[in-house]
Amino acid sequence: RRGALFDAVDAVGGQTWFSGTDEDDFTGL
């Protein structure tokens, strides 16, 4: 689902801000 979300915001376009405590959760972003 993380990968799907990253792909989805890419498809929408615009600017997206993410936040988190663990950089590993964002592998591939």
mmCIF file of all heavy atoms, coordinates in Angstrom:
data_MODEL
# 
_entry.id   MODEL 
# 
loop_
_atom_site.group_PDB 
_atom_site.id 
_atom_site.type_symbol 
_atom_site.label_atom_id 
_atom_site.label_alt_id 
_atom_site.label_comp_id 
_atom_site.label_asym_id 
_atom_site.label_entity_id 
_atom_site.label_seq_id 
_atom_site.pdbx_PDB_ins_code 
_atom_site.Cartn_x 
_atom_site.Cartn_y 
_atom_site.Cartn_z 
_atom_site.occupancy 
_atom_site.B_iso_or_equiv 
_atom_site.pdbx_formal_charge 
_atom_site.auth_seq_id 
_atom_site.auth_comp_id 
_atom_site.auth_asym_id 
_atom_site.auth_atom_id 
_atom_site.pdbx_PDB_model_num 
ATOM 1   N N   . ARG A 1 1  ? 0.823  -1.203 0.000   1.00 0.00 ? 1  ARG A N   1 
ATOM 2   C CA  . ARG A 1 1  ? 0.000  0.000  0.000   1.00 0.00 ? 1  ARG A CA  1 
ATOM 3   C C   . ARG A 1 1  ? 0.862  1.260  0.000   1.00 0.00 ? 1  ARG A C   1 
ATOM 4   O O   . ARG A 1 1  ? 0.483  2.280  -0.561  1.00 0.00 ? 1  ARG A O   1 
ATOM 5   C CB  . ARG A 1 1  ? -0.924 -0.002 1.224   1.00 0.00 ? 1  ARG A CB  1 
ATOM 6   C CG  . ARG A 1 1  ? -2.215 -0.818 0.997   1.00 0.00 ? 1  ARG A CG  1 
ATOM 7   C CD  . ARG A 1 1  ? -3.296 0.096  0.428   1.00 0.00 ? 1  ARG A CD  1 
ATOM 8   N NE  . ARG A 1 1  ? -4.416 -0.639 -0.138  1.00 0.00 ? 1  ARG A NE  1 
ATOM 9   C CZ  . ARG A 1 1  ? -5.428 -1.141 0.549   1.00 0.00 ? 1  ARG A CZ  1 
ATOM 10  N NH1 . ARG A 1 1  ? -5.444 -1.035 1.856   1.00 0.00 ? 1  ARG A NH1 1 
ATOM 11  N NH2 . ARG A 1 1  ? -6.406 -1.758 -0.068  1.00 0.00 ? 1  ARG A NH2 1 
ATOM 12  N N   . ARG A 1 2  ? 2.027  1.202  0.662   1.00 0.00 ? 2  ARG A N   1 
ATOM 13  C CA  . ARG A 1 2  ? 2.921  2.364  0.631   1.00 0.00 ? 2  ARG A CA  1 
ATOM 14  C C   . ARG A 1 2  ? 3.339  2.661  -0.799  1.00 0.00 ? 2  ARG A C   1 
ATOM 15  O O   . ARG A 1 2  ? 3.271  3.803  -1.259  1.00 0.00 ? 2  ARG A O   1 
ATOM 16  C CB  . ARG A 1 2  ? 4.162  2.100  1.481   1.00 0.00 ? 2  ARG A CB  1 
ATOM 17  C CG  . ARG A 1 2  ? 3.925  2.037  2.964   1.00 0.00 ? 2  ARG A CG  1 
ATOM 18  C CD  . ARG A 1 2  ? 5.196  1.626  3.678   1.00 0.00 ? 2  ARG A CD  1 
ATOM 19  N NE  . ARG A 1 2  ? 4.938  1.268  5.064   1.00 0.00 ? 2  ARG A NE  1 
ATOM 20  C CZ  . ARG A 1 2  ? 5.810  0.695  5.873   1.00 0.00 ? 2  ARG A CZ  1 
ATOM 21  N NH1 . ARG A 1 2  ? 7.038  0.432  5.437   1.00 0.00 ? 2  ARG A NH1 1 
ATOM 22  N NH2 . ARG A 1 2  ? 5.492  0.394  7.110   1.00 0.00 ? 2  ARG A NH2 1 
ATOM 23  N N   . GLY A 1 3  ? 3.788  1.621  -1.501  1.00 0.00 ? 3  GLY A N   1 
ATOM 24  C CA  . GLY A 1 3  ? 4.197  1.808  -2.892  1.00 0.00 ? 3  GLY A CA  1 
ATOM 25  C C   . GLY A 1 3  ? 3.058  2.311  -3.750  1.00 0.00 ? 3  GLY A C   1 
ATOM 26  O O   . GLY A 1 3  ? 3.250  3.164  -4.624  1.00 0.00 ? 3  GLY A O   1 
ATOM 27  N N   . ALA A 1 4  ? 1.843  1.788  -3.498  1.00 0.00 ? 4  ALA A N   1 
ATOM 28  C CA  . ALA A 1 4  ? 0.675  2.229  -4.260  1.00 0.00 ? 4  ALA A CA  1 
ATOM 29  C C   . ALA A 1 4  ? 0.389  3.703  -4.006  1.00 0.00 ? 4  ALA A C   1 
ATOM 30  O O   . ALA A 1 4  ? 0.055  4.454  -4.933  1.00 0.00 ? 4  ALA A O   1 
ATOM 31  C CB  . ALA A 1 4  ? -0.538 1.383  -3.883  1.00 0.00 ? 4  ALA A CB  1 
ATOM 32  N N   . LEU A 1 5  ? 0.549  4.138  -2.755  1.00 0.00 ? 5  LEU A N   1 
ATOM 33  C CA  . LEU A 1 5  ? 0.313  5.548  -2.426  1.00 0.00 ? 5  LEU A CA  1 
ATOM 34  C C   . LEU A 1 5  ? 1.337  6.446  -3.107  1.00 0.00 ? 5  LEU A C   1 
ATOM 35  O O   . LEU A 1 5  ? 0.990  7.496  -3.655  1.00 0.00 ? 5  LEU A O   1 
ATOM 36  C CB  . LEU A 1 5  ? 0.356  5.748  -0.912  1.00 0.00 ? 5  LEU A CB  1 
ATOM 37  C CG  . LEU A 1 5  ? 0.114  7.179  -0.418  1.00 0.00 ? 5  LEU A CG  1 
ATOM 38  C CD1 . LEU A 1 5  ? -1.254 7.687  -0.857  1.00 0.00 ? 5  LEU A CD1 1 
ATOM 39  C CD2 . LEU A 1 5  ? 0.239  7.245  1.105   1.00 0.00 ? 5  LEU A CD2 1 
ATOM 40  N N   . PHE A 1 6  ? 2.600  6.033  -3.104  1.00 0.00 ? 6  PHE A N   1 
ATOM 41  C CA  . PHE A 1 6  ? 3.638  6.828  -3.779  1.00 0.00 ? 6  PHE A CA  1 
ATOM 42  C C   . PHE A 1 6  ? 3.324  6.967  -5.266  1.00 0.00 ? 6  PHE A C   1 
ATOM 43  O O   . PHE A 1 6  ? 3.454  8.061  -5.841  1.00 0.00 ? 6  PHE A O   1 
ATOM 44  C CB  . PHE A 1 6  ? 5.011  6.176  -3.594  1.00 0.00 ? 6  PHE A CB  1 
ATOM 45  C CG  . PHE A 1 6  ? 5.465  6.060  -2.160  1.00 0.00 ? 6  PHE A CG  1 
ATOM 46  C CD1 . PHE A 1 6  ? 6.429  5.119  -1.798  1.00 0.00 ? 6  PHE A CD1 1 
ATOM 47  C CD2 . PHE A 1 6  ? 4.937  6.874  -1.178  1.00 0.00 ? 6  PHE A CD2 1 
ATOM 48  C CE1 . PHE A 1 6  ? 6.851  5.008  -0.484  1.00 0.00 ? 6  PHE A CE1 1 
ATOM 49  C CE2 . PHE A 1 6  ? 5.349  6.769  0.145   1.00 0.00 ? 6  PHE A CE2 1 
ATOM 50  C CZ  . PHE A 1 6  ? 6.307  5.824  0.491   1.00 0.00 ? 6  PHE A CZ  1 
ATOM 51  N N   . ASP A 1 7  ? 2.892  5.853  -5.888  1.00 0.00 ? 7  ASP A N   1 
ATOM 52  C CA  . ASP A 1 7  ? 2.549  5.899  -7.315  1.00 0.00 ? 7  ASP A CA  1 
ATOM 53  C C   . ASP A 1 7  ? 1.320  6.769  -7.564  1.00 0.00 ? 7  ASP A C   1 
ATOM 54  O O   . ASP A 1 7  ? 1.254  7.498  -8.564  1.00 0.00 ? 7  ASP A O   1 
ATOM 55  C CB  . ASP A 1 7  ? 2.282  4.475  -7.839  1.00 0.00 ? 7  ASP A CB  1 
ATOM 56  C CG  . ASP A 1 7  ? 3.543  3.621  -7.898  1.00 0.00 ? 7  ASP A CG  1 
ATOM 57  O OD1 . ASP A 1 7  ? 4.653  4.202  -7.911  1.00 0.00 ? 7  ASP A OD1 1 
ATOM 58  O OD2 . ASP A 1 7  ? 3.420  2.384  -7.924  1.00 0.00 ? 7  ASP A OD2 1 
ATOM 59  N N   . ALA A 1 8  ? 0.357  6.705  -6.652  1.00 0.00 ? 8  ALA A N   1 
ATOM 60  C CA  . ALA A 1 8  ? -0.886 7.464  -6.833  1.00 0.00 ? 8  ALA A CA  1 
ATOM 61  C C   . ALA A 1 8  ? -0.633 8.965  -6.793  1.00 0.00 ? 8  ALA A C   1 
ATOM 62  O O   . ALA A 1 8  ? -1.169 9.716  -7.622  1.00 0.00 ? 8  ALA A O   1 
ATOM 63  C CB  . ALA A 1 8  ? -1.899 7.059  -5.762  1.00 0.00 ? 8  ALA A CB  1 
ATOM 64  N N   . VAL A 1 9  ? 0.167  9.435  -5.827  1.00 0.00 ? 9  VAL A N   1 
ATOM 65  C CA  . VAL A 1 9  ? 0.407  10.884 -5.749  1.00 0.00 ? 9  VAL A CA  1 
ATOM 66  C C   . VAL A 1 9  ? 1.239  11.341 -6.946  1.00 0.00 ? 9  VAL A C   1 
ATOM 67  O O   . VAL A 1 9  ? 1.109  12.483 -7.404  1.00 0.00 ? 9  VAL A O   1 
ATOM 68  C CB  . VAL A 1 9  ? 1.069  11.286 -4.414  1.00 0.00 ? 9  VAL A CB  1 
ATOM 69  C CG1 . VAL A 1 9  ? 0.157  10.968 -3.253  1.00 0.00 ? 9  VAL A CG1 1 
ATOM 70  C CG2 . VAL A 1 9  ? 2.429  10.636 -4.236  1.00 0.00 ? 9  VAL A CG2 1 
ATOM 71  N N   . ASP A 1 10 ? 2.087  10.457 -7.470  1.00 0.00 ? 10 ASP A N   1 
ATOM 72  C CA  . ASP A 1 10 ? 2.810  10.787 -8.701  1.00 0.00 ? 10 ASP A CA  1 
ATOM 73  C C   . ASP A 1 10 ? 1.826  11.020 -9.845  1.00 0.00 ? 10 ASP A C   1 
ATOM 74  O O   . ASP A 1 10 ? 1.979  11.948 -10.644 1.00 0.00 ? 10 ASP A O   1 
ATOM 75  C CB  . ASP A 1 10 ? 3.768  9.652  -9.074  1.00 0.00 ? 10 ASP A CB  1 
ATOM 76  C CG  . ASP A 1 10 ? 5.127  9.796  -8.404  1.00 0.00 ? 10 ASP A CG  1 
ATOM 77  O OD1 . ASP A 1 10 ? 5.456  10.908 -7.952  1.00 0.00 ? 10 ASP A OD1 1 
ATOM 78  O OD2 . ASP A 1 10 ? 5.853  8.793  -8.319  1.00 0.00 ? 10 ASP A OD2 1 
ATOM 79  N N   . ALA A 1 11 ? 0.820  10.140 -9.934  1.00 0.00 ? 11 ALA A N   1 
ATOM 80  C CA  . ALA A 1 11 ? -0.159 10.238 -11.015 1.00 0.00 ? 11 ALA A CA  1 
ATOM 81  C C   . ALA A 1 11 ? -1.028 11.485 -10.885 1.00 0.00 ? 11 ALA A C   1 
ATOM 82  O O   . ALA A 1 11 ? -1.398 12.092 -11.887 1.00 0.00 ? 11 ALA A O   1 
ATOM 83  C CB  . ALA A 1 11 ? -1.035 8.986  -11.038 1.00 0.00 ? 11 ALA A CB  1 
ATOM 84  N N   . VAL A 1 12 ? -1.346 11.873 -9.653  1.00 0.00 ? 12 VAL A N   1 
ATOM 85  C CA  . VAL A 1 12 ? -2.158 13.073 -9.443  1.00 0.00 ? 12 VAL A CA  1 
ATOM 86  C C   . VAL A 1 12 ? -1.399 14.318 -9.865  1.00 0.00 ? 12 VAL A C   1 
ATOM 87  O O   . VAL A 1 12 ? -1.949 15.246 -10.461 1.00 0.00 ? 12 VAL A O   1 
ATOM 88  C CB  . VAL A 1 12 ? -2.581 13.184 -7.963  1.00 0.00 ? 12 VAL A CB  1 
ATOM 89  C CG1 . VAL A 1 12 ? -3.203 14.553 -7.693  1.00 0.00 ? 12 VAL A CG1 1 
ATOM 90  C CG2 . VAL A 1 12 ? -3.573 12.090 -7.608  1.00 0.00 ? 12 VAL A CG2 1 
ATOM 91  N N   . GLY A 1 13 ? -0.103 14.354 -9.593  1.00 0.00 ? 13 GLY A N   1 
ATOM 92  C CA  . GLY A 1 13 ? 0.693  15.552 -9.849  1.00 0.00 ? 13 GLY A CA  1 
ATOM 93  C C   . GLY A 1 13 ? 0.643  16.470 -8.643  1.00 0.00 ? 13 GLY A C   1 
ATOM 94  O O   . GLY A 1 13 ? 0.156  16.107 -7.578  1.00 0.00 ? 13 GLY A O   1 
ATOM 95  N N   . GLY A 1 14 ? 1.122  17.664 -8.797  1.00 0.00 ? 14 GLY A N   1 
ATOM 96  C CA  . GLY A 1 14 ? 1.127  18.595 -7.669  1.00 0.00 ? 14 GLY A CA  1 
ATOM 97  C C   . GLY A 1 14 ? 2.271  18.307 -6.718  1.00 0.00 ? 14 GLY A C   1 
ATOM 98  O O   . GLY A 1 14 ? 3.223  17.593 -7.038  1.00 0.00 ? 14 GLY A O   1 
ATOM 99  N N   . GLN A 1 15 ? 2.181  18.852 -5.527  1.00 0.00 ? 15 GLN A N   1 
ATOM 100 C CA  . GLN A 1 15 ? 3.221  18.690 -4.512  1.00 0.00 ? 15 GLN A CA  1 
ATOM 101 C C   . GLN A 1 15 ? 2.641  17.936 -3.321  1.00 0.00 ? 15 GLN A C   1 
ATOM 102 O O   . GLN A 1 15 ? 1.532  18.227 -2.875  1.00 0.00 ? 15 GLN A O   1 
ATOM 103 C CB  . GLN A 1 15 ? 3.742  20.054 -4.058  1.00 0.00 ? 15 GLN A CB  1 
ATOM 104 C CG  . GLN A 1 15 ? 4.962  19.988 -3.138  1.00 0.00 ? 15 GLN A CG  1 
ATOM 105 C CD  . GLN A 1 15 ? 5.460  21.384 -2.775  1.00 0.00 ? 15 GLN A CD  1 
ATOM 106 O OE1 . GLN A 1 15 ? 4.745  22.171 -2.171  1.00 0.00 ? 15 GLN A OE1 1 
ATOM 107 N NE2 . GLN A 1 15 ? 6.697  21.691 -3.164  1.00 0.00 ? 15 GLN A NE2 1 
ATOM 108 N N   . THR A 1 16 ? 3.401  16.981 -2.803  1.00 0.00 ? 16 THR A N   1 
ATOM 109 C CA  . THR A 1 16 ? 2.957  16.185 -1.666  1.00 0.00 ? 16 THR A CA  1 
ATOM 110 C C   . THR A 1 16 ? 4.004  16.226 -0.566  1.00 0.00 ? 16 THR A C   1 
ATOM 111 O O   . THR A 1 16 ? 5.197  16.057 -0.825  1.00 0.00 ? 16 THR A O   1 
ATOM 112 C CB  . THR A 1 16 ? 2.714  14.716 -2.078  1.00 0.00 ? 16 THR A CB  1 
ATOM 113 O OG1 . THR A 1 16 ? 1.771  14.664 -3.153  1.00 0.00 ? 16 THR A OG1 1 
ATOM 114 C CG2 . THR A 1 16 ? 2.168  13.916 -0.904  1.00 0.00 ? 16 THR A CG2 1 
ATOM 115 N N   . TRP A 1 17 ? 3.532  16.444 0.663   1.00 0.00 ? 17 TRP A N   1 
ATOM 116 C CA  . TRP A 1 17 ? 4.382  16.440 1.843   1.00 0.00 ? 17 TRP A CA  1 
ATOM 117 C C   . TRP A 1 17 ? 4.055  15.204 2.670   1.00 0.00 ? 17 TRP A C   1 
ATOM 118 O O   . TRP A 1 17 ? 2.893  14.947 2.994   1.00 0.00 ? 17 TRP A O   1 
ATOM 119 C CB  . TRP A 1 17 ? 4.143  17.688 2.688   1.00 0.00 ? 17 TRP A CB  1 
ATOM 120 C CG  . TRP A 1 17 ? 4.530  18.984 2.029   1.00 0.00 ? 17 TRP A CG  1 
ATOM 121 C CD1 . TRP A 1 17 ? 4.094  19.461 0.823   1.00 0.00 ? 17 TRP A CD1 1 
ATOM 122 C CD2 . TRP A 1 17 ? 5.408  19.976 2.538   1.00 0.00 ? 17 TRP A CD2 1 
ATOM 123 N NE1 . TRP A 1 17 ? 4.655  20.677 0.546   1.00 0.00 ? 17 TRP A NE1 1 
ATOM 124 C CE2 . TRP A 1 17 ? 5.461  21.027 1.598   1.00 0.00 ? 17 TRP A CE2 1 
ATOM 125 C CE3 . TRP A 1 17 ? 6.147  20.092 3.716   1.00 0.00 ? 17 TRP A CE3 1 
ATOM 126 C CZ2 . TRP A 1 17 ? 6.230  22.171 1.781   1.00 0.00 ? 17 TRP A CZ2 1 
ATOM 127 C CZ3 . TRP A 1 17 ? 6.913  21.231 3.918   1.00 0.00 ? 17 TRP A CZ3 1 
ATOM 128 C CH2 . TRP A 1 17 ? 6.961  22.254 2.957   1.00 0.00 ? 17 TRP A CH2 1 
ATOM 129 N N   . PHE A 1 18 ? 5.081  14.436 3.002   1.00 0.00 ? 18 PHE A N   1 
ATOM 130 C CA  . PHE A 1 18 ? 4.940  13.272 3.866   1.00 0.00 ? 18 PHE A CA  1 
ATOM 131 C C   . PHE A 1 18 ? 5.644  13.566 5.191   1.00 0.00 ? 18 PHE A C   1 
ATOM 132 O O   . PHE A 1 18 ? 6.572  14.375 5.252   1.00 0.00 ? 18 PHE A O   1 
ATOM 133 C CB  . PHE A 1 18 ? 5.606  12.035 3.246   1.00 0.00 ? 18 PHE A CB  1 
ATOM 134 C CG  . PHE A 1 18 ? 4.980  11.536 1.978   1.00 0.00 ? 18 PHE A CG  1 
ATOM 135 C CD1 . PHE A 1 18 ? 5.367  12.042 0.741   1.00 0.00 ? 18 PHE A CD1 1 
ATOM 136 C CD2 . PHE A 1 18 ? 4.027  10.531 2.003   1.00 0.00 ? 18 PHE A CD2 1 
ATOM 137 C CE1 . PHE A 1 18 ? 4.806  11.571 -0.438  1.00 0.00 ? 18 PHE A CE1 1 
ATOM 138 C CE2 . PHE A 1 18 ? 3.455  10.050 0.831   1.00 0.00 ? 18 PHE A CE2 1 
ATOM 139 C CZ  . PHE A 1 18 ? 3.841  10.567 -0.390  1.00 0.00 ? 18 PHE A CZ  1 
ATOM 140 N N   . SER A 1 19 ? 5.226  12.860 6.240   1.00 0.00 ? 19 SER A N   1 
ATOM 141 C CA  . SER A 1 19 ? 5.956  12.937 7.506   1.00 0.00 ? 19 SER A CA  1 
ATOM 142 C C   . SER A 1 19 ? 6.040  11.554 8.124   1.00 0.00 ? 19 SER A C   1 
ATOM 143 O O   . SER A 1 19 ? 5.183  10.694 7.890   1.00 0.00 ? 19 SER A O   1 
ATOM 144 C CB  . SER A 1 19 ? 5.276  13.907 8.484   1.00 0.00 ? 19 SER A CB  1 
ATOM 145 O OG  . SER A 1 19 ? 4.093  13.342 9.005   1.00 0.00 ? 19 SER A OG  1 
ATOM 146 N N   . GLY A 1 20 ? 7.086  11.341 8.910   1.00 0.00 ? 20 GLY A N   1 
ATOM 147 C CA  . GLY A 1 20 ? 7.257  10.064 9.579   1.00 0.00 ? 20 GLY A CA  1 
ATOM 148 C C   . GLY A 1 20 ? 8.459  10.087 10.501  1.00 0.00 ? 20 GLY A C   1 
ATOM 149 O O   . GLY A 1 20 ? 9.240  11.050 10.511  1.00 0.00 ? 20 GLY A O   1 
ATOM 150 N N   . THR A 1 21 ? 8.603  9.030  11.264  1.00 0.00 ? 21 THR A N   1 
ATOM 151 C CA  . THR A 1 21 ? 9.736  8.922  12.190  1.00 0.00 ? 21 THR A CA  1 
ATOM 152 C C   . THR A 1 21 ? 10.836 8.021  11.659  1.00 0.00 ? 21 THR A C   1 
ATOM 153 O O   . THR A 1 21 ? 11.987 8.151  12.071  1.00 0.00 ? 21 THR A O   1 
ATOM 154 C CB  . THR A 1 21 ? 9.263  8.368  13.550  1.00 0.00 ? 21 THR A CB  1 
ATOM 155 O OG1 . THR A 1 21 ? 8.652  7.080  13.339  1.00 0.00 ? 21 THR A OG1 1 
ATOM 156 C CG2 . THR A 1 21 ? 8.244  9.299  14.194  1.00 0.00 ? 21 THR A CG2 1 
ATOM 157 N N   . ASP A 1 22 ? 10.499 7.106  10.760  1.00 0.00 ? 22 ASP A N   1 
ATOM 158 C CA  . ASP A 1 22 ? 11.454 6.109  10.267  1.00 0.00 ? 22 ASP A CA  1 
ATOM 159 C C   . ASP A 1 22 ? 11.646 6.260  8.765   1.00 0.00 ? 22 ASP A C   1 
ATOM 160 O O   . ASP A 1 22 ? 10.711 6.051  7.984   1.00 0.00 ? 22 ASP A O   1 
ATOM 161 C CB  . ASP A 1 22 ? 10.941 4.704  10.597  1.00 0.00 ? 22 ASP A CB  1 
ATOM 162 C CG  . ASP A 1 22 ? 11.969 3.614  10.323  1.00 0.00 ? 22 ASP A CG  1 
ATOM 163 O OD1 . ASP A 1 22 ? 12.995 3.910  9.668   1.00 0.00 ? 22 ASP A OD1 1 
ATOM 164 O OD2 . ASP A 1 22 ? 11.749 2.481  10.765  1.00 0.00 ? 22 ASP A OD2 1 
ATOM 165 N N   . GLU A 1 23 ? 12.847 6.603  8.369   1.00 0.00 ? 23 GLU A N   1 
ATOM 166 C CA  . GLU A 1 23 ? 13.123 6.813  6.943   1.00 0.00 ? 23 GLU A CA  1 
ATOM 167 C C   . GLU A 1 23 ? 12.912 5.546  6.134   1.00 0.00 ? 23 GLU A C   1 
ATOM 168 O O   . GLU A 1 23 ? 12.591 5.608  4.938   1.00 0.00 ? 23 GLU A O   1 
ATOM 169 C CB  . GLU A 1 23 ? 14.561 7.327  6.773   1.00 0.00 ? 23 GLU A CB  1 
ATOM 170 C CG  . GLU A 1 23 ? 14.856 7.862  5.388   1.00 0.00 ? 23 GLU A CG  1 
ATOM 171 C CD  . GLU A 1 23 ? 16.167 8.618  5.326   1.00 0.00 ? 23 GLU A CD  1 
ATOM 172 O OE1 . GLU A 1 23 ? 16.895 8.642  6.343   1.00 0.00 ? 23 GLU A OE1 1 
ATOM 173 O OE2 . GLU A 1 23 ? 16.459 9.200  4.255   1.00 0.00 ? 23 GLU A OE2 1 
ATOM 174 N N   . ASP A 1 24 ? 13.081 4.380  6.761   1.00 0.00 ? 24 ASP A N   1 
ATOM 175 C CA  . ASP A 1 24 ? 12.900 3.116  6.046   1.00 0.00 ? 24 ASP A CA  1 
ATOM 176 C C   . ASP A 1 24 ? 11.466 2.940  5.559   1.00 0.00 ? 24 ASP A C   1 
ATOM 177 O O   . ASP A 1 24 ? 11.218 2.191  4.600   1.00 0.00 ? 24 ASP A O   1 
ATOM 178 C CB  . ASP A 1 24 ? 13.279 1.936  6.947   1.00 0.00 ? 24 ASP A CB  1 
ATOM 179 C CG  . ASP A 1 24 ? 14.786 1.867  7.210   1.00 0.00 ? 24 ASP A CG  1 
ATOM 180 O OD1 . ASP A 1 24 ? 15.549 2.486  6.429   1.00 0.00 ? 24 ASP A OD1 1 
ATOM 181 O OD2 . ASP A 1 24 ? 15.182 1.209  8.183   1.00 0.00 ? 24 ASP A OD2 1 
ATOM 182 N N   . ASP A 1 25 ? 10.503 3.593  6.213   1.00 0.00 ? 25 ASP A N   1 
ATOM 183 C CA  . ASP A 1 25 ? 9.113  3.493  5.774   1.00 0.00 ? 25 ASP A CA  1 
ATOM 184 C C   . ASP A 1 25 ? 8.896  4.124  4.403   1.00 0.00 ? 25 ASP A C   1 
ATOM 185 O O   . ASP A 1 25 ? 7.851  3.892  3.780   1.00 0.00 ? 25 ASP A O   1 
ATOM 186 C CB  . ASP A 1 25 ? 8.179  4.183  6.779   1.00 0.00 ? 25 ASP A CB  1 
ATOM 187 C CG  . ASP A 1 25 ? 8.059  3.424  8.088   1.00 0.00 ? 25 ASP A CG  1 
ATOM 188 O OD1 . ASP A 1 25 ? 8.371  2.218  8.104   1.00 0.00 ? 25 ASP A OD1 1 
ATOM 189 O OD2 . ASP A 1 25 ? 7.666  4.049  9.097   1.00 0.00 ? 25 ASP A OD2 1 
ATOM 190 N N   . PHE A 1 26 ? 9.861  4.915  3.944   1.00 0.00 ? 26 PHE A N   1 
ATOM 191 C CA  . PHE A 1 26 ? 9.703  5.658  2.700   1.00 0.00 ? 26 PHE A CA  1 
ATOM 192 C C   . PHE A 1 26 ? 10.646 5.161  1.609   1.00 0.00 ? 26 PHE A C   1 
ATOM 193 O O   . PHE A 1 26 ? 10.952 5.892  0.662   1.00 0.00 ? 26 PHE A O   1 
ATOM 194 C CB  . PHE A 1 26 ? 9.924  7.146  2.967   1.00 0.00 ? 26 PHE A CB  1 
ATOM 195 C CG  . PHE A 1 26 ? 8.938  7.718  3.944   1.00 0.00 ? 26 PHE A CG  1 
ATOM 196 C CD1 . PHE A 1 26 ? 9.213  7.733  5.303   1.00 0.00 ? 26 PHE A CD1 1 
ATOM 197 C CD2 . PHE A 1 26 ? 7.722  8.202  3.505   1.00 0.00 ? 26 PHE A CD2 1 
ATOM 198 C CE1 . PHE A 1 26 ? 8.301  8.243  6.214   1.00 0.00 ? 26 PHE A CE1 1 
ATOM 199 C CE2 . PHE A 1 26 ? 6.797  8.715  4.409   1.00 0.00 ? 26 PHE A CE2 1 
ATOM 200 C CZ  . PHE A 1 26 ? 7.082  8.725  5.759   1.00 0.00 ? 26 PHE A CZ  1 
ATOM 201 N N   . THR A 1 27 ? 11.076 3.927  1.742   1.00 0.00 ? 27 THR A N   1 
ATOM 202 C CA  . THR A 1 27 ? 11.928 3.324  0.719   1.00 0.00 ? 27 THR A CA  1 
ATOM 203 C C   . THR A 1 27 ? 11.218 3.352  -0.631  1.00 0.00 ? 27 THR A C   1 
ATOM 204 O O   . THR A 1 27 ? 10.065 2.946  -0.758  1.00 0.00 ? 27 THR A O   1 
ATOM 205 C CB  . THR A 1 27 ? 12.257 1.865  1.095   1.00 0.00 ? 27 THR A CB  1 
ATOM 206 O OG1 . THR A 1 27 ? 12.940 1.855  2.352   1.00 0.00 ? 27 THR A OG1 1 
ATOM 207 C CG2 . THR A 1 27 ? 13.136 1.227  0.024   1.00 0.00 ? 27 THR A CG2 1 
ATOM 208 N N   . GLY A 1 28 ? 11.897 3.848  -1.640  1.00 0.00 ? 28 GLY A N   1 
ATOM 209 C CA  . GLY A 1 28 ? 11.321 3.952  -2.979  1.00 0.00 ? 28 GLY A CA  1 
ATOM 210 C C   . GLY A 1 28 ? 10.721 5.307  -3.282  1.00 0.00 ? 28 GLY A C   1 
ATOM 211 O O   . GLY A 1 28 ? 10.361 5.578  -4.429  1.00 0.00 ? 28 GLY A O   1 
ATOM 212 N N   . LEU A 1 29 ? 10.596 6.169  -2.255  1.00 0.00 ? 29 LEU A N   1 
ATOM 213 C CA  . LEU A 1 29 ? 10.037 7.505  -2.469  1.00 0.00 ? 29 LEU A CA  1 
ATOM 214 C C   . LEU A 1 29 ? 11.161 8.489  -2.768  1.00 0.00 ? 29 LEU A C   1 
ATOM 215 O O   . LEU A 1 29 ? 12.109 8.627  -1.996  1.00 0.00 ? 29 LEU A O   1 
ATOM 216 C CB  . LEU A 1 29 ? 9.277  7.963  -1.225  1.00 0.00 ? 29 LEU A CB  1 
ATOM 217 C CG  . LEU A 1 29 ? 8.712  9.390  -1.272  1.00 0.00 ? 29 LEU A CG  1 
ATOM 218 C CD1 . LEU A 1 29 ? 7.557  9.480  -2.261  1.00 0.00 ? 29 LEU A CD1 1 
ATOM 219 C CD2 . LEU A 1 29 ? 8.269  9.843  0.117   1.00 0.00 ? 29 LEU A CD2 1 
# 
